[in-house]
């Protein structure tokens, strides 16, 4: 039972990360002006100026990042590794 819960939480963490990267593709379009550096173009979730929609997407991404890591770590501990 513990292994199944570990696998499910690990899978949920992976889904959270996939959703995070889906939002990353949308966030570049919500930036106000061009990206200030090349690093901002590669990693669009870095802080910058965004439209209100972009700010909402960035908050969701921060939550998904935290949730994804939490679920992955819980999955690892529950699987007995």
N, C-alpha and C. Protein backbone atom coordinates (compact mmCIF):
# COMPACT_ATOMS: atom_id res chain seq x y z
N UNK A 1 0.82 -1.19 0.00
CA UNK A 1 0.00 0.00 0.00
C UNK A 1 0.87 1.26 0.00
N UNK A 2 1.97 1.22 0.80
CA UNK A 2 2.86 2.37 0.83
C UNK A 2 3.51 2.61 -0.52
N UNK A 3 3.88 1.54 -1.21
CA UNK A 3 4.50 1.69 -2.53
C UNK A 3 3.54 2.29 -3.54
N UNK A 4 2.28 1.90 -3.47
CA UNK A 4 1.28 2.45 -4.40
C UNK A 4 1.10 3.94 -4.13
N UNK A 5 1.00 4.32 -2.85
CA UNK A 5 0.87 5.74 -2.52
C UNK A 5 2.11 6.52 -2.96
N UNK A 6 3.28 5.91 -2.80
CA UNK A 6 4.51 6.56 -3.26
C UNK A 6 4.51 6.77 -4.76
N UNK A 7 4.09 5.75 -5.49
CA UNK A 7 4.03 5.87 -6.95
C UNK A 7 3.01 6.92 -7.38
N UNK A 8 1.85 6.94 -6.72
CA UNK A 8 0.82 7.93 -7.07
C UNK A 8 1.28 9.36 -6.76
N UNK A 9 1.92 9.56 -5.62
CA UNK A 9 2.39 10.91 -5.32
C UNK A 9 3.53 11.32 -6.25
N UNK A 10 4.39 10.37 -6.61
CA UNK A 10 5.46 10.66 -7.56
C UNK A 10 4.87 11.04 -8.93
N UNK A 11 3.85 10.31 -9.37
CA UNK A 11 3.19 10.61 -10.64
C UNK A 11 2.49 11.98 -10.59
N UNK A 12 1.85 12.29 -9.45
CA UNK A 12 1.20 13.59 -9.31
C UNK A 12 2.23 14.72 -9.34
N UNK A 13 3.39 14.49 -8.75
CA UNK A 13 4.46 15.49 -8.82
C UNK A 13 4.94 15.69 -10.24
N UNK A 14 5.05 14.61 -10.99
CA UNK A 14 5.46 14.73 -12.40
C UNK A 14 4.42 15.50 -13.21
N UNK A 15 3.15 15.27 -12.94
CA UNK A 15 2.09 16.00 -13.63
C UNK A 15 2.15 17.48 -13.28
N UNK A 16 2.43 17.79 -12.01
CA UNK A 16 2.56 19.20 -11.61
C UNK A 16 3.70 19.87 -12.37
N UNK A 17 4.81 19.18 -12.56
CA UNK A 17 5.92 19.75 -13.32
C UNK A 17 5.58 19.90 -14.80
N UNK A 18 4.84 18.95 -15.36
CA UNK A 18 4.43 19.09 -16.76
C UNK A 18 3.54 20.31 -16.93
N UNK A 19 2.63 20.53 -15.99
CA UNK A 19 1.76 21.71 -16.05
C UNK A 19 2.59 22.99 -15.88
N UNK A 20 3.59 22.95 -15.02
CA UNK A 20 4.48 24.09 -14.84
C UNK A 20 5.12 24.48 -16.17
N UNK A 21 5.66 23.49 -16.90
CA UNK A 21 6.32 23.81 -18.16
C UNK A 21 5.33 24.19 -19.25
N UNK A 22 4.08 23.73 -19.15
CA UNK A 22 3.04 24.20 -20.08
C UNK A 22 2.80 25.69 -19.86
N UNK A 23 2.70 26.11 -18.60
CA UNK A 23 2.51 27.52 -18.30
C UNK A 23 3.72 28.35 -18.73
N UNK A 24 4.91 27.77 -18.69
CA UNK A 24 6.12 28.50 -19.09
C UNK A 24 6.04 28.93 -20.54
N UNK A 25 5.44 28.10 -21.40
CA UNK A 25 5.31 28.48 -22.80
C UNK A 25 4.34 29.64 -22.97
N UNK A 26 3.34 29.73 -22.11
CA UNK A 26 2.36 30.82 -22.19
C UNK A 26 2.87 32.10 -21.57
N UNK A 27 3.79 32.00 -20.61
CA UNK A 27 4.23 33.16 -19.86
C UNK A 27 5.05 34.13 -20.70
N UNK A 28 5.82 33.64 -21.65
CA UNK A 28 6.63 34.51 -22.50
C UNK A 28 5.77 35.53 -23.24
N UNK A 29 4.58 35.13 -23.65
CA UNK A 29 3.70 36.04 -24.37
C UNK A 29 3.12 37.12 -23.46
N UNK A 30 3.15 36.91 -22.17
CA UNK A 30 2.57 37.86 -21.22
C UNK A 30 3.59 38.85 -20.66
N UNK A 31 4.81 38.79 -21.11
CA UNK A 31 5.86 39.71 -20.64
C UNK A 31 5.64 41.08 -21.28
N UNK A 32 5.85 42.13 -20.48
CA UNK A 32 5.74 43.50 -21.00
C UNK A 32 7.11 43.88 -21.55
N UNK A 33 7.17 44.13 -22.84
CA UNK A 33 8.43 44.46 -23.48
C UNK A 33 9.26 43.22 -23.76
N UNK A 34 10.40 43.41 -24.39
CA UNK A 34 11.27 42.26 -24.67
C UNK A 34 11.94 41.77 -23.39
N UNK A 35 12.35 40.52 -23.37
CA UNK A 35 13.07 40.02 -22.19
C UNK A 35 14.34 40.82 -21.96
N UNK A 36 14.60 41.24 -20.70
CA UNK A 36 15.78 42.08 -20.45
C UNK A 36 17.11 41.37 -20.70
N UNK A 37 17.16 40.07 -20.50
CA UNK A 37 18.39 39.33 -20.73
C UNK A 37 18.07 38.05 -21.48
N UNK A 38 19.11 37.41 -21.99
CA UNK A 38 18.92 36.13 -22.69
C UNK A 38 18.43 35.06 -21.71
N UNK A 39 18.85 35.16 -20.46
CA UNK A 39 18.43 34.21 -19.44
C UNK A 39 16.90 34.27 -19.23
N UNK A 40 16.32 35.48 -19.30
CA UNK A 40 14.88 35.63 -19.16
C UNK A 40 14.15 35.02 -20.36
N UNK A 41 14.78 35.01 -21.50
CA UNK A 41 14.15 34.41 -22.67
C UNK A 41 14.15 32.88 -22.56
N UNK A 42 15.22 32.32 -21.99
CA UNK A 42 15.32 30.87 -21.84
C UNK A 42 14.43 30.39 -20.70
N UNK A 43 14.43 31.12 -19.58
CA UNK A 43 13.63 30.77 -18.40
C UNK A 43 12.59 31.86 -18.16
N UNK A 44 11.43 31.79 -18.80
CA UNK A 44 10.47 32.89 -18.73
C UNK A 44 9.86 33.10 -17.34
N UNK A 45 10.01 32.16 -16.41
CA UNK A 45 9.41 32.32 -15.09
C UNK A 45 10.25 33.17 -14.15
N UNK A 46 11.42 33.64 -14.60
CA UNK A 46 12.22 34.53 -13.77
C UNK A 46 11.46 35.84 -13.57
N UNK A 47 11.70 36.54 -12.46
CA UNK A 47 10.97 37.79 -12.20
C UNK A 47 11.16 38.81 -13.31
N UNK A 48 10.12 39.54 -13.55
CA UNK A 48 10.14 40.58 -14.57
C UNK A 48 8.81 41.31 -14.58
N UNK A 49 8.59 42.10 -15.61
CA UNK A 49 7.33 42.83 -15.74
C UNK A 49 6.38 42.03 -16.61
N UNK A 50 5.18 41.75 -16.07
CA UNK A 50 4.19 40.96 -16.77
C UNK A 50 2.84 41.66 -16.75
N UNK A 51 1.99 41.29 -17.66
CA UNK A 51 0.60 41.75 -17.65
C UNK A 51 -0.09 41.13 -16.44
N UNK A 52 -1.29 41.60 -16.07
CA UNK A 52 -2.00 40.96 -14.96
C UNK A 52 -2.22 39.46 -15.17
N UNK A 53 -2.49 39.06 -16.40
CA UNK A 53 -2.63 37.63 -16.70
C UNK A 53 -1.30 36.91 -16.47
N UNK A 54 -0.20 37.54 -16.87
CA UNK A 54 1.12 36.96 -16.66
C UNK A 54 1.46 36.83 -15.19
N UNK A 55 1.06 37.79 -14.39
CA UNK A 55 1.30 37.71 -12.95
C UNK A 55 0.52 36.55 -12.33
N UNK A 56 -0.71 36.33 -12.82
CA UNK A 56 -1.51 35.21 -12.33
C UNK A 56 -0.86 33.89 -12.72
N UNK A 57 -0.38 33.80 -13.95
CA UNK A 57 0.29 32.58 -14.42
C UNK A 57 1.56 32.34 -13.60
N UNK A 58 2.30 33.40 -13.30
CA UNK A 58 3.53 33.25 -12.53
C UNK A 58 3.24 32.76 -11.11
N UNK A 59 2.16 33.25 -10.49
CA UNK A 59 1.78 32.76 -9.16
C UNK A 59 1.39 31.28 -9.21
N UNK A 60 0.65 30.88 -10.25
CA UNK A 60 0.29 29.48 -10.41
C UNK A 60 1.54 28.62 -10.59
N UNK A 61 2.49 29.12 -11.37
CA UNK A 61 3.72 28.38 -11.61
C UNK A 61 4.51 28.19 -10.32
N UNK A 62 4.57 29.22 -9.49
CA UNK A 62 5.28 29.10 -8.21
C UNK A 62 4.62 28.04 -7.33
N UNK A 63 3.29 28.03 -7.29
CA UNK A 63 2.58 27.01 -6.52
C UNK A 63 2.81 25.62 -7.07
N UNK A 64 2.78 25.48 -8.40
CA UNK A 64 3.01 24.18 -9.01
C UNK A 64 4.43 23.68 -8.76
N UNK A 65 5.38 24.58 -8.78
CA UNK A 65 6.76 24.20 -8.52
C UNK A 65 6.91 23.66 -7.09
N UNK A 66 6.33 24.37 -6.14
CA UNK A 66 6.39 23.93 -4.74
C UNK A 66 5.65 22.61 -4.56
N UNK A 67 4.45 22.50 -5.11
CA UNK A 67 3.66 21.28 -5.00
C UNK A 67 4.36 20.10 -5.67
N UNK A 68 4.94 20.33 -6.83
CA UNK A 68 5.63 19.27 -7.55
C UNK A 68 6.79 18.70 -6.76
N UNK A 69 7.63 19.59 -6.20
CA UNK A 69 8.76 19.12 -5.39
C UNK A 69 8.29 18.38 -4.15
N UNK A 70 7.26 18.92 -3.51
CA UNK A 70 6.74 18.28 -2.30
C UNK A 70 6.23 16.86 -2.61
N UNK A 71 5.47 16.72 -3.69
CA UNK A 71 4.94 15.40 -4.05
C UNK A 71 6.04 14.43 -4.47
N UNK A 72 7.05 14.93 -5.17
CA UNK A 72 8.16 14.05 -5.56
C UNK A 72 8.93 13.55 -4.34
N UNK A 73 9.18 14.42 -3.39
CA UNK A 73 9.90 14.02 -2.18
C UNK A 73 9.06 13.04 -1.36
N UNK A 74 7.76 13.31 -1.22
CA UNK A 74 6.89 12.38 -0.50
C UNK A 74 6.85 11.03 -1.20
N UNK A 75 6.79 11.04 -2.53
CA UNK A 75 6.80 9.79 -3.28
C UNK A 75 8.07 8.99 -3.05
N UNK A 76 9.20 9.66 -2.98
CA UNK A 76 10.46 8.98 -2.74
C UNK A 76 10.48 8.35 -1.33
N UNK A 77 10.03 9.12 -0.34
CA UNK A 77 10.03 8.59 1.02
C UNK A 77 9.04 7.44 1.20
N UNK A 78 7.87 7.55 0.56
CA UNK A 78 6.88 6.47 0.70
C UNK A 78 7.29 5.19 -0.04
N UNK A 79 8.10 5.34 -1.06
CA UNK A 79 8.50 4.14 -1.81
C UNK A 79 9.60 3.36 -1.07
N UNK A 80 10.14 3.95 -0.02
CA UNK A 80 11.11 3.25 0.79
C UNK A 80 12.55 3.44 0.37
N UNK A 81 12.79 4.39 -0.53
CA UNK A 81 14.17 4.63 -0.99
C UNK A 81 14.94 5.46 0.01
